[in-house]
Every structure is written in structure tokens, then in C-alpha cells.
Amino acid sequence: MRIRIIGSCGSGKSTLAKELSDNYGIPSYELDNLIWDRSAENLRYPESFRDESFQSIVSSEAWIIEGVQCKDWTIKSIQEADLIFVLNPNVFIRDYRIIKRFVLSRTGLQPWNYKQSFKDLCKMIVKWNHQYNIGAAIDVINENNKTAMITKNKKQVIQLIEHQLEAGVSESEKNVRINQGLSKEEVRC
């Protein structure tokens, strides 16, 4: 199974990806870890490294890929995904999660794969949360003739996956759109 998870900072992408990976034995990948060299502060990997690593992941049999990115270099993950989930919890819930993660990681109470600065925290809240354009992600999904489940919580995602695994549904039935009646404009952050 190939699963793509999209959403703004603090939407629960990493938590959901880890839970699905642990429950179903599917390898999970954060797109940020293909972009940023975590051994140095604010150092990007070369695009060639990013692209080669990404192609290797996407060409494998099963994966969970999560990230805010819905750009040209990530399109293949949307095209190849069996299931696409767009996480869109309330903006203030996301703010809380971002701040909580920052405090816990800075105090050493929770390990994180990089050390955030206060500047990074502000950027995550403003640019990658409040200004995140979920409509652009929906456009990319639609342009590639794919469907996605847009949800405010991970419970719906887990229920859908469990139902499909138990029922052994066909590939065409896997692409389910539960859009809660929201248009692109209504789900904009």
C-alpha cells in the first residue's frame, strides 16, 4: 500500500505516518528529511540527492510519505499513491501542537530530528500554518485525477485503512473522497 499524507505544520502528519507505519509495517518517510541535512542547522541537501532519494522511495512497493510539499518534485508520490489524505485540523489546534513540539524539543523532554530556533517556530506558525494554502494541494490532487480524504482528525484515516485491509477492496474503491462538503476556498488556511 502506498499512502501520501499532506497538511500544514502541526496537522498531525508525522504522528499519523508513524502510527500507520507501526501498525501495518509500512515504511514511513518525511519529505523534510529529504530536503534538510539534520546534522547541520539550515543546511539543504543538493537537489540531486533529494530527487534520487525520493525516486528510490516512490518506486518501492509500499510507503507512507508525509509532508507539506506538493511541488513538482513530489508529484510522483501523488500519482503513485493508493490513498491520499489531507489533514486539516483547526488552525489553533495546529498552533498549539507547533508550540508544544517546540517547547518539548527545546527542553529535551521530547526527541526531535532537528533543533528549532525561535525564528523557525515563528516561520512554522505563520508561513507553514496560517499561510499554508491547502487549496494548492487539492489542485495538484485534482490535476492528477486522484481523490483524497480531507479530514480534521486521524481517526477517520485509520478507520478507512482498517476497513480496506479487512474488506480487501479493489484499487478503484480505494480512492475515496470524503470532502465534508468543503470547497477549496473553504479549506484554505
N, C-alpha and C. Protein backbone atom coordinates (compact mmCIF):
# COMPACT_ATOMS: atom_id res chain seq x y z
N MET A 1 0.84 -1.18 0.00
CA MET A 1 0.00 0.00 0.00
C MET A 1 0.89 1.24 0.00
N ARG A 2 0.49 2.23 -0.78
CA ARG A 2 1.22 3.49 -0.88
C ARG A 2 0.30 4.61 -0.41
N ILE A 3 0.74 5.31 0.62
CA ILE A 3 -0.09 6.33 1.27
C ILE A 3 0.64 7.67 1.25
N ARG A 4 -0.05 8.71 0.83
CA ARG A 4 0.50 10.07 0.82
C ARG A 4 -0.31 10.91 1.80
N ILE A 5 0.37 11.57 2.74
CA ILE A 5 -0.27 12.40 3.74
C ILE A 5 0.19 13.84 3.53
N ILE A 6 -0.76 14.75 3.41
CA ILE A 6 -0.48 16.16 3.15
C ILE A 6 -1.17 16.99 4.23
N GLY A 7 -0.54 18.10 4.61
CA GLY A 7 -1.14 19.02 5.56
C GLY A 7 -0.13 20.04 6.02
N SER A 8 -0.62 21.06 6.68
CA SER A 8 0.26 22.12 7.17
C SER A 8 1.05 21.64 8.38
N CYS A 9 1.95 22.49 8.86
CA CYS A 9 2.68 22.19 10.10
C CYS A 9 1.68 22.01 11.23
N GLY A 10 1.93 21.03 12.07
CA GLY A 10 1.07 20.81 13.23
C GLY A 10 -0.23 20.10 12.91
N SER A 11 -0.40 19.65 11.69
CA SER A 11 -1.67 18.99 11.32
C SER A 11 -1.73 17.54 11.79
N GLY A 12 -0.58 16.97 12.16
CA GLY A 12 -0.55 15.59 12.63
C GLY A 12 -0.01 14.59 11.62
N LYS A 13 0.65 15.10 10.57
CA LYS A 13 1.18 14.22 9.51
C LYS A 13 2.18 13.21 10.05
N SER A 14 3.17 13.69 10.78
CA SER A 14 4.23 12.80 11.28
C SER A 14 3.67 11.79 12.27
N THR A 15 2.79 12.23 13.15
CA THR A 15 2.19 11.34 14.14
C THR A 15 1.38 10.25 13.46
N LEU A 16 0.56 10.64 12.49
CA LEU A 16 -0.25 9.66 11.75
C LEU A 16 0.64 8.70 10.97
N ALA A 17 1.64 9.23 10.28
CA ALA A 17 2.53 8.37 9.48
C ALA A 17 3.23 7.35 10.37
N LYS A 18 3.71 7.78 11.53
CA LYS A 18 4.39 6.87 12.45
C LYS A 18 3.42 5.80 12.96
N GLU A 19 2.22 6.21 13.32
CA GLU A 19 1.23 5.25 13.82
C GLU A 19 0.87 4.21 12.75
N LEU A 20 0.65 4.67 11.52
CA LEU A 20 0.33 3.74 10.43
C LEU A 20 1.51 2.82 10.15
N SER A 21 2.72 3.37 10.18
CA SER A 21 3.92 2.57 9.95
C SER A 21 4.07 1.49 11.02
N ASP A 22 3.88 1.88 12.28
CA ASP A 22 3.98 0.92 13.38
C ASP A 22 2.90 -0.15 13.30
N ASN A 23 1.68 0.26 12.96
CA ASN A 23 0.55 -0.68 12.93
C ASN A 23 0.59 -1.65 11.76
N TYR A 24 1.08 -1.20 10.60
CA TYR A 24 0.98 -2.00 9.39
C TYR A 24 2.33 -2.39 8.78
N GLY A 25 3.42 -1.98 9.41
CA GLY A 25 4.75 -2.36 8.92
C GLY A 25 5.11 -1.73 7.58
N ILE A 26 4.53 -0.59 7.28
CA ILE A 26 4.83 0.12 6.04
C ILE A 26 5.87 1.19 6.35
N PRO A 27 6.98 1.24 5.60
CA PRO A 27 7.99 2.27 5.89
C PRO A 27 7.44 3.68 5.69
N SER A 28 7.84 4.57 6.59
CA SER A 28 7.35 5.95 6.58
C SER A 28 8.50 6.91 6.30
N TYR A 29 8.21 7.96 5.51
CA TYR A 29 9.23 8.93 5.12
C TYR A 29 8.70 10.35 5.26
N GLU A 30 9.52 11.23 5.86
CA GLU A 30 9.20 12.65 5.94
C GLU A 30 9.91 13.37 4.80
N LEU A 31 9.16 14.11 4.00
CA LEU A 31 9.78 14.84 2.89
C LEU A 31 10.82 15.84 3.39
N ASP A 32 10.60 16.43 4.56
CA ASP A 32 11.58 17.37 5.11
C ASP A 32 12.96 16.74 5.27
N ASN A 33 12.99 15.44 5.59
CA ASN A 33 14.28 14.77 5.77
C ASN A 33 15.01 14.52 4.45
N LEU A 34 14.32 14.70 3.34
CA LEU A 34 14.98 14.63 2.03
C LEU A 34 15.51 16.00 1.60
N ILE A 35 15.02 17.03 2.26
CA ILE A 35 15.42 18.40 1.93
C ILE A 35 16.52 18.90 2.85
N TRP A 36 16.36 18.67 4.14
CA TRP A 36 17.26 19.25 5.14
C TRP A 36 18.25 18.24 5.69
N ASP A 37 19.52 18.64 5.72
CA ASP A 37 20.58 17.87 6.37
C ASP A 37 20.45 18.15 7.86
N ARG A 38 19.97 17.18 8.61
CA ARG A 38 19.69 17.39 10.04
C ARG A 38 20.96 17.46 10.89
N SER A 39 22.13 17.18 10.31
CA SER A 39 23.37 17.27 11.08
C SER A 39 23.88 18.71 11.16
N ALA A 40 23.32 19.60 10.37
CA ALA A 40 23.72 21.00 10.39
C ALA A 40 22.47 21.87 10.38
N GLU A 41 22.58 23.06 10.97
CA GLU A 41 21.43 23.94 11.05
C GLU A 41 21.19 24.64 9.72
N ASN A 42 19.96 24.52 9.23
CA ASN A 42 19.52 25.19 8.00
C ASN A 42 20.38 24.90 6.78
N LEU A 43 20.87 23.67 6.67
CA LEU A 43 21.65 23.27 5.50
C LEU A 43 20.81 22.32 4.66
N ARG A 44 20.63 22.67 3.40
CA ARG A 44 19.84 21.84 2.48
C ARG A 44 20.73 20.82 1.79
N TYR A 45 20.14 19.66 1.54
CA TYR A 45 20.82 18.68 0.69
C TYR A 45 20.79 19.20 -0.75
N PRO A 46 21.72 18.75 -1.58
CA PRO A 46 21.63 19.10 -3.00
C PRO A 46 20.34 18.51 -3.59
N GLU A 47 19.77 19.21 -4.56
CA GLU A 47 18.53 18.73 -5.18
C GLU A 47 18.70 17.36 -5.81
N SER A 48 19.90 17.06 -6.29
CA SER A 48 20.14 15.74 -6.89
C SER A 48 19.97 14.64 -5.84
N PHE A 49 20.47 14.87 -4.62
CA PHE A 49 20.31 13.90 -3.53
C PHE A 49 18.83 13.75 -3.20
N ARG A 50 18.14 14.88 -3.06
CA ARG A 50 16.70 14.87 -2.75
C ARG A 50 15.93 14.07 -3.79
N ASP A 51 16.18 14.38 -5.07
CA ASP A 51 15.44 13.74 -6.16
C ASP A 51 15.73 12.25 -6.27
N GLU A 52 16.99 11.86 -6.13
CA GLU A 52 17.35 10.44 -6.20
C GLU A 52 16.74 9.66 -5.03
N SER A 53 16.82 10.23 -3.83
CA SER A 53 16.24 9.58 -2.66
C SER A 53 14.74 9.42 -2.82
N PHE A 54 14.10 10.48 -3.28
CA PHE A 54 12.65 10.46 -3.47
C PHE A 54 12.23 9.41 -4.50
N GLN A 55 12.93 9.35 -5.63
CA GLN A 55 12.60 8.37 -6.67
C GLN A 55 12.77 6.94 -6.17
N SER A 56 13.78 6.73 -5.35
CA SER A 56 14.00 5.40 -4.77
C SER A 56 12.83 5.00 -3.87
N ILE A 57 12.35 5.94 -3.07
CA ILE A 57 11.23 5.67 -2.17
C ILE A 57 9.96 5.40 -2.97
N VAL A 58 9.64 6.29 -3.90
CA VAL A 58 8.39 6.21 -4.66
C VAL A 58 8.32 4.95 -5.52
N SER A 59 9.46 4.45 -5.95
CA SER A 59 9.44 3.25 -6.81
C SER A 59 9.33 1.96 -6.00
N SER A 60 9.36 2.04 -4.69
CA SER A 60 9.22 0.83 -3.88
C SER A 60 7.75 0.40 -3.78
N GLU A 61 7.54 -0.82 -3.32
CA GLU A 61 6.21 -1.43 -3.29
C GLU A 61 5.25 -0.77 -2.31
N ALA A 62 5.76 -0.39 -1.16
CA ALA A 62 4.89 0.17 -0.11
C ALA A 62 5.60 1.32 0.58
N TRP A 63 4.86 2.37 0.86
CA TRP A 63 5.43 3.52 1.57
C TRP A 63 4.33 4.40 2.13
N ILE A 64 4.74 5.18 3.11
CA ILE A 64 3.93 6.28 3.61
C ILE A 64 4.82 7.51 3.48
N ILE A 65 4.38 8.48 2.70
CA ILE A 65 5.15 9.71 2.52
C ILE A 65 4.31 10.85 3.07
N GLU A 66 4.92 11.63 3.96
CA GLU A 66 4.20 12.77 4.52
C GLU A 66 5.01 14.04 4.37
N GLY A 67 4.27 15.14 4.15
CA GLY A 67 4.92 16.44 4.05
C GLY A 67 3.96 17.52 3.61
N VAL A 68 4.36 18.75 3.85
CA VAL A 68 3.56 19.89 3.40
C VAL A 68 3.71 20.10 1.91
N GLN A 69 4.81 19.61 1.36
CA GLN A 69 5.16 19.87 -0.04
C GLN A 69 4.22 19.18 -1.01
N CYS A 70 3.82 19.95 -2.01
CA CYS A 70 3.01 19.44 -3.13
C CYS A 70 3.55 20.07 -4.40
N LYS A 71 4.86 20.05 -4.55
CA LYS A 71 5.52 20.71 -5.67
C LYS A 71 5.90 19.70 -6.74
N ASP A 72 6.49 20.22 -7.81
CA ASP A 72 6.86 19.39 -8.96
C ASP A 72 7.60 18.12 -8.57
N TRP A 73 8.59 18.23 -7.69
CA TRP A 73 9.40 17.06 -7.38
C TRP A 73 8.65 16.02 -6.55
N THR A 74 7.51 16.39 -5.94
CA THR A 74 6.75 15.43 -5.13
C THR A 74 5.52 14.87 -5.84
N ILE A 75 5.24 15.34 -7.05
CA ILE A 75 4.03 14.95 -7.79
C ILE A 75 3.93 13.44 -7.95
N LYS A 76 5.04 12.78 -8.18
CA LYS A 76 5.04 11.33 -8.41
C LYS A 76 4.41 10.59 -7.22
N SER A 77 4.60 11.11 -6.00
CA SER A 77 4.01 10.44 -4.84
C SER A 77 2.49 10.54 -4.86
N ILE A 78 1.97 11.61 -5.43
CA ILE A 78 0.52 11.74 -5.57
C ILE A 78 0.03 10.81 -6.67
N GLN A 79 0.74 10.77 -7.77
CA GLN A 79 0.35 9.92 -8.90
C GLN A 79 0.39 8.44 -8.53
N GLU A 80 1.35 8.03 -7.72
CA GLU A 80 1.54 6.61 -7.39
C GLU A 80 0.79 6.17 -6.13
N ALA A 81 0.22 7.10 -5.38
CA ALA A 81 -0.43 6.77 -4.11
C ALA A 81 -1.73 5.99 -4.33
N ASP A 82 -1.93 4.99 -3.48
CA ASP A 82 -3.20 4.27 -3.44
C ASP A 82 -4.22 5.08 -2.64
N LEU A 83 -3.74 5.74 -1.60
CA LEU A 83 -4.59 6.56 -0.74
C LEU A 83 -3.90 7.90 -0.50
N ILE A 84 -4.67 8.97 -0.53
CA ILE A 84 -4.15 10.31 -0.24
C ILE A 84 -5.03 10.91 0.85
N PHE A 85 -4.37 11.41 1.88
CA PHE A 85 -5.08 12.05 2.98
C PHE A 85 -4.59 13.48 3.13
N VAL A 86 -5.54 14.40 3.27
CA VAL A 86 -5.22 15.80 3.53
C VAL A 86 -5.72 16.09 4.93
N LEU A 87 -4.79 16.35 5.85
CA LEU A 87 -5.15 16.63 7.23
C LEU A 87 -5.37 18.13 7.38
N ASN A 88 -6.51 18.50 7.94
CA ASN A 88 -6.86 19.91 8.05
C ASN A 88 -7.57 20.22 9.38
N PRO A 89 -6.86 19.99 10.52
CA PRO A 89 -7.48 20.35 11.80
C PRO A 89 -7.55 21.87 11.95
N ASN A 90 -8.28 22.32 12.94
CA ASN A 90 -8.42 23.75 13.23
C ASN A 90 -7.05 24.42 13.38
N VAL A 91 -6.93 25.63 12.87
CA VAL A 91 -5.66 26.36 12.87
C VAL A 91 -5.11 26.54 14.29
N PHE A 92 -5.97 26.72 15.28
CA PHE A 92 -5.50 26.93 16.65
C PHE A 92 -5.00 25.63 17.28
N ILE A 93 -5.57 24.52 16.87
CA ILE A 93 -5.04 23.21 17.30
C ILE A 93 -3.64 23.04 16.73
N ARG A 94 -3.46 23.42 15.48
CA ARG A 94 -2.13 23.32 14.85
C ARG A 94 -1.14 24.24 15.55
N ASP A 95 -1.55 25.47 15.87
CA ASP A 95 -0.67 26.39 16.61
C ASP A 95 -0.22 25.76 17.92
N TYR A 96 -1.18 25.20 18.66
CA TYR A 96 -0.87 24.57 19.93
C TYR A 96 0.15 23.44 19.75
N ARG A 97 -0.06 22.60 18.76
CA ARG A 97 0.85 21.48 18.53
C ARG A 97 2.25 21.96 18.16
N ILE A 98 2.34 22.99 17.34
CA ILE A 98 3.64 23.53 16.93
C ILE A 98 4.39 24.08 18.14
N ILE A 99 3.69 24.85 18.98
CA ILE A 99 4.33 25.44 20.17
C ILE A 99 4.71 24.34 21.16
N LYS A 100 3.82 23.38 21.37
CA LYS A 100 4.11 22.26 22.28
C LYS A 100 5.34 21.49 21.82
N ARG A 101 5.41 21.19 20.52
CA ARG A 101 6.56 20.46 19.98
C ARG A 101 7.85 21.27 20.19
N PHE A 102 7.78 22.57 19.97
CA PHE A 102 8.94 23.44 20.15
C PHE A 102 9.42 23.39 21.61
N VAL A 103 8.51 23.58 22.55
CA VAL A 103 8.87 23.59 23.98
C VAL A 103 9.43 22.24 24.40
N LEU A 104 8.76 21.16 24.04
CA LEU A 104 9.22 19.83 24.45
C LEU A 104 10.57 19.47 23.83
N SER A 105 10.79 19.85 22.59
CA SER A 105 12.08 19.52 21.96
C SER A 105 13.20 20.41 22.50
N ARG A 106 12.91 21.67 22.77
CA ARG A 106 13.95 22.59 23.29
C ARG A 106 14.34 22.24 24.73
N THR A 107 13.41 21.72 25.51
CA THR A 107 13.70 21.35 26.89
C THR A 107 14.25 19.93 27.01
N GLY A 108 14.29 19.21 25.90
CA GLY A 108 14.81 17.85 25.90
C GLY A 108 13.82 16.81 26.37
N LEU A 109 12.58 17.19 26.59
CA LEU A 109 11.56 16.25 27.04
C LEU A 109 11.04 15.36 25.92
N GLN A 110 11.23 15.80 24.69
CA GLN A 110 10.80 15.01 23.54
C GLN A 110 11.89 15.09 22.47
N PRO A 111 12.41 13.94 22.05
CA PRO A 111 13.42 13.99 20.98
C PRO A 111 12.78 14.44 19.67
N TRP A 112 13.52 15.19 18.90
CA TRP A 112 13.06 15.63 17.60
C TRP A 112 14.22 15.51 16.65
N ASN A 113 13.97 15.42 15.36
CA ASN A 113 15.05 15.16 14.42
C ASN A 113 15.86 16.41 14.06
N TYR A 114 15.52 17.55 14.63
CA TYR A 114 16.33 18.76 14.47
C TYR A 114 16.00 19.73 15.59
N LYS A 115 16.89 20.68 15.82
CA LYS A 115 16.70 21.66 16.87
C LYS A 115 16.15 22.95 16.26
N GLN A 116 14.99 23.34 16.71
CA GLN A 116 14.34 24.54 16.18
C GLN A 116 14.82 25.78 16.92
N SER A 117 14.95 26.86 16.17
CA SER A 117 15.20 28.16 16.77
C SER A 117 13.86 28.87 16.95
N PHE A 118 13.87 29.99 17.67
CA PHE A 118 12.64 30.77 17.83
C PHE A 118 12.19 31.29 16.47
N LYS A 119 13.15 31.62 15.61
CA LYS A 119 12.83 32.08 14.25
C LYS A 119 12.10 30.97 13.48
N ASP A 120 12.58 29.73 13.63
CA ASP A 120 11.92 28.59 12.98
C ASP A 120 10.48 28.42 13.48
N LEU A 121 10.31 28.60 14.80
CA LEU A 121 8.97 28.48 15.39
C LEU A 121 8.02 29.50 14.76
N CYS A 122 8.47 30.74 14.67
CA CYS A 122 7.63 31.80 14.08
C CYS A 122 7.30 31.49 12.62
N LYS A 123 8.29 31.00 11.88
CA LYS A 123 8.08 30.66 10.47
C LYS A 123 7.06 29.53 10.34
N MET A 124 7.16 28.54 11.23
CA MET A 124 6.21 27.42 11.17
C MET A 124 4.79 27.89 11.45
N ILE A 125 4.63 28.75 12.43
CA ILE A 125 3.29 29.22 12.78
C ILE A 125 2.71 30.09 11.67
N VAL A 126 3.51 31.04 11.18
CA VAL A 126 2.98 31.99 10.19
C VAL A 126 2.96 31.39 8.79
N LYS A 127 4.12 31.01 8.26
CA LYS A 127 4.20 30.59 6.86
C LYS A 127 3.63 29.19 6.62
N TRP A 128 4.03 28.24 7.45
CA TRP A 128 3.66 26.86 7.18
C TRP A 128 2.38 26.42 7.89
N ASN A 129 1.74 27.35 8.63
CA ASN A 129 0.45 27.03 9.23
C ASN A 129 -0.60 28.04 8.77
N HIS A 130 -0.51 29.28 9.23
CA HIS A 130 -1.54 30.27 8.90
C HIS A 130 -1.58 30.61 7.41
N GLN A 131 -0.45 30.62 6.74
CA GLN A 131 -0.43 30.98 5.33
C GLN A 131 -0.38 29.76 4.40
N TYR A 132 -0.44 28.58 4.96
CA TYR A 132 -0.39 27.37 4.15
C TYR A 132 -1.63 27.30 3.26
N ASN A 133 -1.43 27.06 1.99
CA ASN A 133 -2.51 27.04 1.01
C ASN A 133 -2.89 25.60 0.69
N ILE A 134 -3.83 25.08 1.43
CA ILE A 134 -4.27 23.71 1.21
C ILE A 134 -4.97 23.57 -0.14
N GLY A 135 -5.51 24.68 -0.64
CA GLY A 135 -6.16 24.67 -1.95
C GLY A 135 -5.20 24.29 -3.06
N ALA A 136 -3.93 24.69 -2.92
CA ALA A 136 -2.92 24.33 -3.93
C ALA A 136 -2.71 22.82 -3.94
N ALA A 137 -2.71 22.20 -2.76
CA ALA A 137 -2.57 20.74 -2.68
C ALA A 137 -3.76 20.05 -3.33
N ILE A 138 -4.95 20.57 -3.08
CA ILE A 138 -6.15 19.99 -3.68
C ILE A 138 -6.10 20.13 -5.20
N ASP A 139 -5.61 21.27 -5.68
CA ASP A 139 -5.46 21.46 -7.14
C ASP A 139 -4.55 20.39 -7.74
N VAL A 140 -3.41 20.14 -7.09
CA VAL A 140 -2.46 19.14 -7.59
C VAL A 140 -3.10 17.75 -7.61
N ILE A 141 -3.83 17.43 -6.56
CA ILE A 141 -4.51 16.14 -6.49
C ILE A 141 -5.52 16.01 -7.64
N ASN A 142 -6.32 17.04 -7.84
CA ASN A 142 -7.33 17.02 -8.91
C ASN A 142 -6.69 16.99 -10.29
N GLU A 143 -5.61 17.76 -10.50
CA GLU A 143 -4.93 17.79 -11.80
C GLU A 143 -4.38 16.42 -12.19
N ASN A 144 -4.09 15.59 -11.19
CA ASN A 144 -3.57 14.26 -11.44
C ASN A 144 -4.66 13.19 -11.38
N ASN A 145 -5.91 13.64 -11.45
CA ASN A 145 -7.07 12.74 -11.46
C ASN A 145 -7.07 11.76 -10.29
N LYS A 146 -6.68 12.26 -9.14
CA LYS A 146 -6.69 11.46 -7.92
C LYS A 146 -7.74 12.03 -6.98
N THR A 147 -8.11 11.25 -6.00
CA THR A 147 -9.03 11.72 -4.98
C THR A 147 -8.35 11.61 -3.63
N ALA A 148 -8.87 12.36 -2.68
CA ALA A 148 -8.26 12.38 -1.36
C ALA A 148 -9.34 12.44 -0.29
N MET A 149 -8.99 11.97 0.88
CA MET A 149 -9.85 12.13 2.04
C MET A 149 -9.36 13.38 2.76
N ILE A 150 -10.22 14.37 2.87
CA ILE A 150 -9.89 15.58 3.62
C ILE A 150 -10.53 15.43 4.99
N THR A 151 -9.71 15.50 6.03
CA THR A 151 -10.22 15.22 7.37
C THR A 151 -9.58 16.13 8.41
N LYS A 152 -10.29 16.30 9.50
CA LYS A 152 -9.77 17.10 10.60
C LYS A 152 -9.08 16.23 11.65
N ASN A 153 -9.23 14.90 11.55
CA ASN A 153 -8.60 14.04 12.55
C ASN A 153 -8.16 12.71 11.95
N LYS A 154 -7.24 12.07 12.65
CA LYS A 154 -6.66 10.82 12.13
C LYS A 154 -7.55 9.61 12.33
N LYS A 155 -8.55 9.70 13.19
CA LYS A 155 -9.43 8.56 13.43
C LYS A 155 -10.11 8.10 12.15
N GLN A 156 -10.57 9.05 11.34
CA GLN A 156 -11.22 8.69 10.07
C GLN A 156 -10.25 7.98 9.14
N VAL A 157 -9.01 8.42 9.13
CA VAL A 157 -7.99 7.81 8.27
C VAL A 157 -7.77 6.36 8.68
N ILE A 158 -7.58 6.14 9.96
CA ILE A 158 -7.32 4.79 10.48
C ILE A 158 -8.52 3.88 10.21
N GLN A 159 -9.73 4.38 10.41
CA GLN A 159 -10.93 3.58 10.14
C GLN A 159 -11.02 3.18 8.67
N LEU A 160 -10.72 4.10 7.77
CA LEU A 160 -10.78 3.80 6.33
C LEU A 160 -9.75 2.74 5.96
N ILE A 161 -8.53 2.88 6.46
CA ILE A 161 -7.48 1.91 6.14
C ILE A 161 -7.83 0.54 6.70
N GLU A 162 -8.30 0.49 7.94
CA GLU A 162 -8.69 -0.79 8.53
C GLU A 162 -9.82 -1.44 7.74
N HIS A 163 -10.78 -0.65 7.34
CA HIS A 163 -11.90 -1.18 6.55
C HIS A 163 -11.40 -1.76 5.23
N GLN A 164 -10.50 -1.06 4.57
CA GLN A 164 -10.00 -1.54 3.28
C GLN A 164 -9.15 -2.79 3.43
N LEU A 165 -8.33 -2.84 4.47
CA LEU A 165 -7.50 -4.02 4.67
C LEU A 165 -8.35 -5.24 5.01
N GLU A 166 -9.39 -5.04 5.82
CA GLU A 166 -10.26 -6.15 6.18
C GLU A 166 -11.11 -6.61 5.00
N ALA A 167 -11.60 -5.67 4.21
CA ALA A 167 -12.51 -6.00 3.11
C ALA A 167 -11.78 -6.42 1.85
N GLY A 168 -10.49 -6.06 1.74
CA GLY A 168 -9.75 -6.37 0.53
C GLY A 168 -10.35 -5.69 -0.68
N VAL A 169 -10.66 -4.41 -0.55
CA VAL A 169 -11.33 -3.68 -1.63
C VAL A 169 -10.42 -3.49 -2.83
N SER A 170 -11.05 -3.22 -3.98
CA SER A 170 -10.30 -3.03 -5.23
C SER A 170 -9.59 -1.69 -5.24
N GLU A 171 -8.63 -1.55 -6.15
CA GLU A 171 -7.87 -0.31 -6.29
C GLU A 171 -8.79 0.88 -6.56
N SER A 172 -9.80 0.70 -7.41
CA SER A 172 -10.68 1.82 -7.74
C SER A 172 -11.49 2.27 -6.53
N GLU A 173 -11.82 1.34 -5.65
CA GLU A 173 -12.58 1.69 -4.46
C GLU A 173 -11.71 2.35 -3.40
N LYS A 174 -10.40 2.19 -3.50
CA LYS A 174 -9.51 2.78 -2.51
C LYS A 174 -9.50 4.29 -2.56
N ASN A 175 -9.71 4.85 -3.73
CA ASN A 175 -9.69 6.30 -3.88
C ASN A 175 -11.05 6.86 -3.53
N VAL A 176 -11.21 7.22 -2.27
CA VAL A 176 -12.48 7.69 -1.75
C VAL A 176 -12.35 9.17 -1.39
N ARG A 177 -13.32 9.95 -1.78
CA ARG A 177 -13.30 11.36 -1.41
C ARG A 177 -14.38 11.59 -0.35
N ILE A 178 -13.94 12.00 0.80
CA ILE A 178 -14.85 12.43 1.85
C ILE A 178 -14.48 13.88 2.09
N ASN A 179 -15.17 14.78 1.43
CA ASN A 179 -14.73 16.17 1.47
C ASN A 179 -15.55 17.02 2.42
N GLN A 180 -16.43 16.42 3.15
CA GLN A 180 -17.23 17.12 4.15
C GLN A 180 -17.92 18.35 3.57
N GLY A 181 -18.15 18.36 2.26
CA GLY A 181 -18.84 19.47 1.63
C GLY A 181 -18.02 20.74 1.55
N LEU A 182 -16.70 20.66 1.67
CA LEU A 182 -15.86 21.85 1.65
C LEU A 182 -15.31 22.10 0.27
N SER A 183 -15.31 23.34 -0.15
CA SER A 183 -14.66 23.72 -1.41
C SER A 183 -13.22 24.10 -1.10
N LYS A 184 -12.42 24.30 -2.15
CA LYS A 184 -11.02 24.72 -1.96
C LYS A 184 -10.96 26.00 -1.15
N GLU A 185 -11.85 26.94 -1.43
CA GLU A 185 -11.82 28.23 -0.75
C GLU A 185 -12.13 28.06 0.74
N GLU A 186 -13.02 27.15 1.06
CA GLU A 186 -13.41 26.96 2.45
C GLU A 186 -12.35 26.26 3.27
N VAL A 187 -11.48 25.47 2.64
CA VAL A 187 -10.46 24.77 3.40
C VAL A 187 -9.14 25.51 3.41
N ARG A 188 -9.10 26.67 2.79
CA ARG A 188 -7.86 27.46 2.82
C ARG A 188 -7.52 27.84 4.25
N CYS A 189 -6.25 27.77 4.57
CA CYS A 189 -5.81 28.13 5.92
C CYS A 189 -5.67 29.63 6.04
